[in-house]
Amino acid sequence: MLPVSYVVVVARQSRFTAAQRHSAVLRAFGGKEDCDAVATELGVHSATLYRWAKESRHDPGGSTRERLIGAAQDMLRDNTYASITVEAVAARADVAQRTAFHTFSGKAELFQAAVDDAATRLIDAIGAAANDVAWPATPLEQLGVFLTIAARSIYETPAAHVLFRDVGVPRGDGPAENWHAAFVDAVAALIAEGIEGGQIEDGVDVRASAEIITGAMRGIHAAVFDGADAAVAVESVGRLSAVVGGRPRS
């Protein structure tokens, strides 16, 4: 297992019934408990609680909302945000236009939901993969494994393309942005562990290195979603830990 609080920084996968999700939303947003505390207790990312709350508010059954989100994600494979309309998404999802505009206030909200949904699914996928891997003993090797399983999870998450391709979706303060920040935090924590354990040079700028590694990953993933070979990309991502290097042998 990771020595850092990985299960808090990047969520573990959780499966809950509709009743359990409803209860969690009431606890997290009812004013009596802190959202982050509820998320930590349940072993999920706080972004997951926000997604559950949105689903509950807009469409208790989830079917209409999920169909619209899925259609929006599918259309963003070959189109940009500017070229797609809510009416076109509704037609793709086989949902009445009036229902689509009742479910989402407009185009920006629909596509933000599509991006946030992809981010939450990716968070869960990385968490599940992290639980199944045999972690090496040292932070630098753990960083390489972490980046590799994240890359594989990205390519195995069908909607993840909307997080990496430049499709022009306006970004707000939601799970997509929180996921990116959480990923940087996880990388930074592993780098800091490596420095503390004497495996990485003391002079390494932890935050800047974490940002560079995460930025490099985003570029690699964007290339894959535009047609580059995913297997080559996974190998390349696994070597990004070389950005921080190791402590020279004396």
Protein backbone atom coordinates (compact mmCIF):
# COMPACT_ATOMS: atom_id res chain seq x y z
CA MET A 1 0.00 0.00 0.00
CA LEU A 2 1.02 3.62 -0.53
CA PRO A 3 2.58 5.26 2.55
CA VAL A 4 0.73 8.51 1.72
CA SER A 5 -3.03 8.98 2.18
CA TYR A 6 -3.82 7.82 -1.33
CA VAL A 7 -7.30 6.65 -0.38
CA VAL A 8 -8.09 10.26 0.59
CA VAL A 9 -6.27 12.09 -2.21
CA VAL A 10 -7.58 9.90 -5.03
CA ALA A 11 -10.73 8.00 -4.22
CA ARG A 12 -11.21 4.31 -3.71
CA GLN A 13 -14.01 2.70 -5.67
CA SER A 14 -17.30 2.37 -3.82
CA ARG A 15 -20.65 0.89 -4.75
CA PHE A 16 -23.73 2.08 -2.93
CA THR A 17 -27.47 1.59 -3.27
CA ALA A 18 -29.72 4.50 -4.21
CA ALA A 19 -30.86 4.73 -0.59
CA GLN A 20 -27.28 4.84 0.68
CA ARG A 21 -26.39 7.56 -1.83
CA HIS A 22 -29.43 9.59 -0.79
CA SER A 23 -28.45 9.25 2.85
CA ALA A 24 -24.87 10.32 2.10
CA VAL A 25 -26.08 13.40 0.21
CA LEU A 26 -28.32 14.41 3.11
CA ARG A 27 -25.43 14.04 5.53
CA ALA A 28 -22.94 15.89 3.33
CA PHE A 29 -25.16 18.81 2.32
CA GLY A 30 -27.75 18.93 5.09
CA GLY A 31 -25.71 21.35 7.16
CA LYS A 32 -24.85 19.00 10.02
CA GLU A 33 -21.69 17.34 8.69
CA ASP A 34 -18.72 18.34 6.57
CA CYS A 35 -18.77 17.03 2.99
CA ASP A 36 -15.10 16.04 3.04
CA ALA A 37 -15.55 14.19 6.33
CA VAL A 38 -18.49 12.21 4.95
CA ALA A 39 -16.51 11.40 1.79
CA THR A 40 -13.53 10.20 3.81
CA GLU A 41 -15.74 8.00 5.99
CA LEU A 42 -17.34 6.40 2.93
CA GLY A 43 -14.05 6.00 1.09
CA VAL A 44 -15.09 8.14 -1.89
CA HIS A 45 -13.90 11.43 -3.37
CA SER A 46 -15.94 14.50 -2.41
CA ALA A 47 -16.58 14.95 -6.14
CA THR A 48 -18.58 11.72 -6.02
CA LEU A 49 -20.91 13.20 -3.39
CA TYR A 50 -21.44 16.28 -5.54
CA ARG A 51 -22.31 14.05 -8.51
CA TRP A 52 -24.80 12.09 -6.40
CA ALA A 53 -26.38 15.35 -5.24
CA LYS A 54 -26.73 16.64 -8.79
CA GLU A 55 -28.23 13.38 -9.99
CA SER A 56 -30.72 13.36 -7.13
CA ARG A 57 -31.75 16.96 -7.74
CA HIS A 58 -32.19 16.75 -11.50
CA ASP A 59 -33.40 13.22 -12.07
CA PRO A 60 -33.98 10.83 -9.14
CA GLY A 61 -34.02 7.83 -11.45
CA GLY A 62 -30.87 8.93 -13.22
CA SER A 63 -31.92 7.56 -16.60
CA THR A 64 -32.65 10.78 -18.50
CA ARG A 65 -29.69 12.62 -17.04
CA GLU A 66 -27.33 9.72 -17.71
CA ARG A 67 -28.55 9.36 -21.31
CA LEU A 68 -27.97 13.04 -22.01
CA ILE A 69 -24.53 12.98 -20.38
CA GLY A 70 -23.56 9.85 -22.31
CA ALA A 71 -24.72 11.35 -25.59
CA ALA A 72 -22.78 14.56 -24.90
CA GLN A 73 -19.64 12.57 -24.14
CA ASP A 74 -20.05 10.50 -27.32
CA MET A 75 -20.54 13.59 -29.48
CA LEU A 76 -17.39 15.19 -28.06
CA ARG A 77 -15.32 12.41 -29.63
CA ASP A 78 -15.61 13.96 -33.07
CA ASN A 79 -17.01 17.44 -32.42
CA THR A 80 -16.17 20.53 -30.43
CA TYR A 81 -18.31 22.13 -27.75
CA ALA A 82 -19.05 25.08 -30.05
CA SER A 83 -20.43 22.86 -32.81
CA ILE A 84 -22.88 20.86 -30.64
CA THR A 85 -26.30 22.00 -29.45
CA VAL A 86 -28.50 20.75 -26.63
CA GLU A 87 -31.08 19.89 -29.27
CA ALA A 88 -28.56 17.66 -31.06
CA VAL A 89 -27.59 15.94 -27.81
CA ALA A 90 -31.25 15.37 -26.98
CA ALA A 91 -31.83 13.81 -30.39
CA ARG A 92 -28.78 11.58 -29.95
CA ALA A 93 -30.04 10.49 -26.52
CA ASP A 94 -33.62 10.03 -27.77
CA VAL A 95 -34.84 12.54 -25.20
CA ALA A 96 -37.43 15.24 -25.89
CA GLN A 97 -35.91 18.72 -26.17
CA ARG A 98 -38.24 20.05 -23.50
CA THR A 99 -37.11 17.29 -21.14
CA ALA A 100 -33.45 18.02 -21.90
CA PHE A 101 -33.86 21.70 -21.01
CA HIS A 102 -35.79 20.74 -17.89
CA THR A 103 -32.96 18.43 -16.82
CA PHE A 104 -30.20 20.95 -17.58
CA SER A 105 -30.61 24.72 -17.59
CA GLY A 106 -28.55 25.06 -20.75
CA LYS A 107 -25.63 23.89 -22.83
CA ALA A 108 -22.92 24.92 -20.39
CA GLU A 109 -24.47 22.97 -17.51
CA LEU A 110 -25.00 19.86 -19.65
CA PHE A 111 -21.44 19.73 -20.89
CA GLN A 112 -19.94 20.58 -17.51
CA ALA A 113 -21.92 17.62 -16.16
CA ALA A 114 -20.49 15.44 -18.94
CA VAL A 115 -16.94 16.46 -18.00
CA ASP A 116 -17.56 16.06 -14.26
CA ASP A 117 -19.12 12.63 -14.80
CA ALA A 118 -16.05 11.51 -16.73
CA ALA A 119 -13.76 12.79 -13.97
CA THR A 120 -15.71 10.98 -11.27
CA ARG A 121 -15.70 7.72 -13.21
CA LEU A 122 -11.96 8.08 -13.71
CA ILE A 123 -11.39 8.74 -10.00
CA ASP A 124 -13.23 5.52 -9.17
CA ALA A 125 -11.33 3.55 -11.83
CA ILE A 126 -7.93 4.69 -10.55
CA GLY A 127 -8.97 3.89 -7.00
CA ALA A 128 -10.06 0.38 -7.97
CA ALA A 129 -6.82 -0.27 -9.83
CA ALA A 130 -4.78 1.07 -6.92
CA ASN A 131 -6.45 -1.37 -4.55
CA ASP A 132 -5.51 -4.33 -6.75
CA VAL A 133 -1.82 -3.56 -7.38
CA ALA A 134 1.19 -4.85 -5.45
CA TRP A 135 2.96 -1.64 -4.41
CA PRO A 136 6.77 -1.51 -4.30
CA ALA A 137 8.49 -0.43 -1.12
CA THR A 138 10.00 2.93 -2.10
CA PRO A 139 8.23 6.19 -3.07
CA LEU A 140 10.06 6.65 -6.39
CA GLU A 141 9.02 3.20 -7.61
CA GLN A 142 5.53 3.79 -6.21
CA LEU A 143 5.33 6.97 -8.28
CA GLY A 144 6.11 5.04 -11.45
CA VAL A 145 3.45 2.45 -10.64
CA PHE A 146 0.92 5.13 -9.71
CA LEU A 147 1.41 6.96 -13.02
CA THR A 148 1.16 3.69 -14.96
CA ILE A 149 -2.09 2.52 -13.36
CA ALA A 150 -3.54 6.01 -13.80
CA ALA A 151 -2.71 5.90 -17.52
CA ARG A 152 -4.24 2.47 -17.95
CA SER A 153 -7.35 3.57 -16.07
CA ILE A 154 -7.67 6.59 -18.34
CA TYR A 155 -7.58 4.48 -21.49
CA GLU A 156 -10.04 2.00 -20.01
CA THR A 157 -12.54 4.74 -19.09
CA PRO A 158 -14.60 5.41 -22.24
CA ALA A 159 -15.57 8.98 -21.33
CA ALA A 160 -12.07 10.09 -20.30
CA HIS A 161 -11.38 11.67 -23.68
CA VAL A 162 -13.39 14.74 -22.62
CA LEU A 163 -10.84 15.40 -19.85
CA PHE A 164 -7.80 15.49 -22.12
CA ARG A 165 -8.80 16.51 -25.65
CA ASP A 166 -9.13 20.23 -26.24
CA VAL A 167 -12.82 20.24 -27.19
CA GLY A 168 -13.52 23.71 -25.83
CA VAL A 169 -15.87 22.83 -22.96
CA PRO A 170 -15.91 25.72 -20.45
CA ARG A 171 -14.55 24.47 -17.14
CA GLY A 172 -15.95 25.45 -13.78
CA ASP A 173 -15.32 24.51 -10.19
CA GLY A 174 -16.31 20.86 -10.25
CA PRO A 175 -15.02 17.27 -10.06
CA ALA A 176 -12.91 17.65 -13.23
CA GLU A 177 -10.85 20.45 -11.73
CA ASN A 178 -10.80 18.82 -8.30
CA TRP A 179 -9.55 15.58 -9.84
CA HIS A 180 -6.66 17.37 -11.53
CA ALA A 181 -5.67 19.09 -8.28
CA ALA A 182 -6.00 15.82 -6.34
CA PHE A 183 -3.76 14.05 -8.84
CA VAL A 184 -1.08 16.74 -8.48
CA ASP A 185 -1.38 16.39 -4.70
CA ALA A 186 -0.88 12.61 -4.91
CA VAL A 187 2.22 12.98 -7.10
CA ALA A 188 3.59 15.72 -4.82
CA ALA A 189 3.04 13.54 -1.74
CA LEU A 190 5.04 10.69 -3.27
CA ILE A 191 7.87 13.04 -4.26
CA ALA A 192 7.94 14.45 -0.73
CA GLU A 193 8.07 10.91 0.68
CA GLY A 194 11.00 10.18 -1.61
CA ILE A 195 12.90 13.22 -0.38
CA GLU A 196 12.16 12.44 3.26
CA GLY A 197 13.33 8.86 2.75
CA GLY A 198 16.57 9.98 1.09
CA GLN A 199 15.68 8.50 -2.30
CA ILE A 200 15.29 11.87 -4.07
CA GLU A 201 17.59 14.90 -3.86
CA ASP A 202 16.63 17.51 -1.26
CA GLY A 203 16.71 20.38 -3.78
CA VAL A 204 13.82 19.08 -5.89
CA ASP A 205 10.88 21.51 -6.07
CA VAL A 206 8.06 19.20 -5.00
CA ARG A 207 5.06 21.15 -6.27
CA ALA A 208 6.65 22.26 -9.52
CA SER A 209 7.80 18.72 -10.28
CA ALA A 210 4.32 17.34 -9.57
CA GLU A 211 2.78 19.94 -11.89
CA ILE A 212 5.28 19.12 -14.65
CA ILE A 213 4.69 15.38 -14.39
CA THR A 214 0.91 15.86 -14.42
CA GLY A 215 1.14 18.26 -17.36
CA ALA A 216 3.29 15.80 -19.30
CA MET A 217 0.73 13.08 -18.63
CA ARG A 218 -2.08 15.28 -19.94
CA GLY A 219 -0.15 15.88 -23.15
CA ILE A 220 0.53 12.18 -23.64
CA HIS A 221 -3.11 11.30 -23.02
CA ALA A 222 -4.32 13.97 -25.43
CA ALA A 223 -2.09 12.42 -28.10
CA VAL A 224 -3.57 8.97 -27.43
CA PHE A 225 -7.13 10.21 -27.77
CA ASP A 226 -6.09 11.81 -31.05
CA GLY A 227 -4.77 8.48 -32.35
CA ALA A 228 -1.36 7.74 -30.77
CA ASP A 229 -0.59 4.20 -29.57
CA ALA A 230 -1.86 3.66 -26.02
CA ALA A 231 0.65 0.91 -25.21
CA VAL A 232 3.56 3.21 -26.05
CA ALA A 233 1.95 5.96 -24.00
CA VAL A 234 1.65 3.74 -20.91
CA GLU A 235 5.35 2.91 -21.13
CA SER A 236 6.21 6.60 -21.54
CA VAL A 237 4.07 7.62 -18.57
CA GLY A 238 5.75 4.99 -16.39
CA ARG A 239 9.08 6.71 -17.02
CA LEU A 240 7.93 10.19 -16.02
CA SER A 241 9.19 9.57 -12.50
CA ALA A 242 12.62 10.26 -13.99
CA VAL A 243 11.69 13.96 -13.84
CA VAL A 244 12.61 13.93 -10.16
CA GLY A 245 15.35 11.32 -10.58
CA GLY A 246 17.04 9.72 -7.64
CA ARG A 247 19.87 10.48 -5.26
CA PRO A 248 23.26 9.89 -6.93
CA ARG A 249 25.31 7.07 -5.51
CA SER A 250 28.39 8.20 -3.60
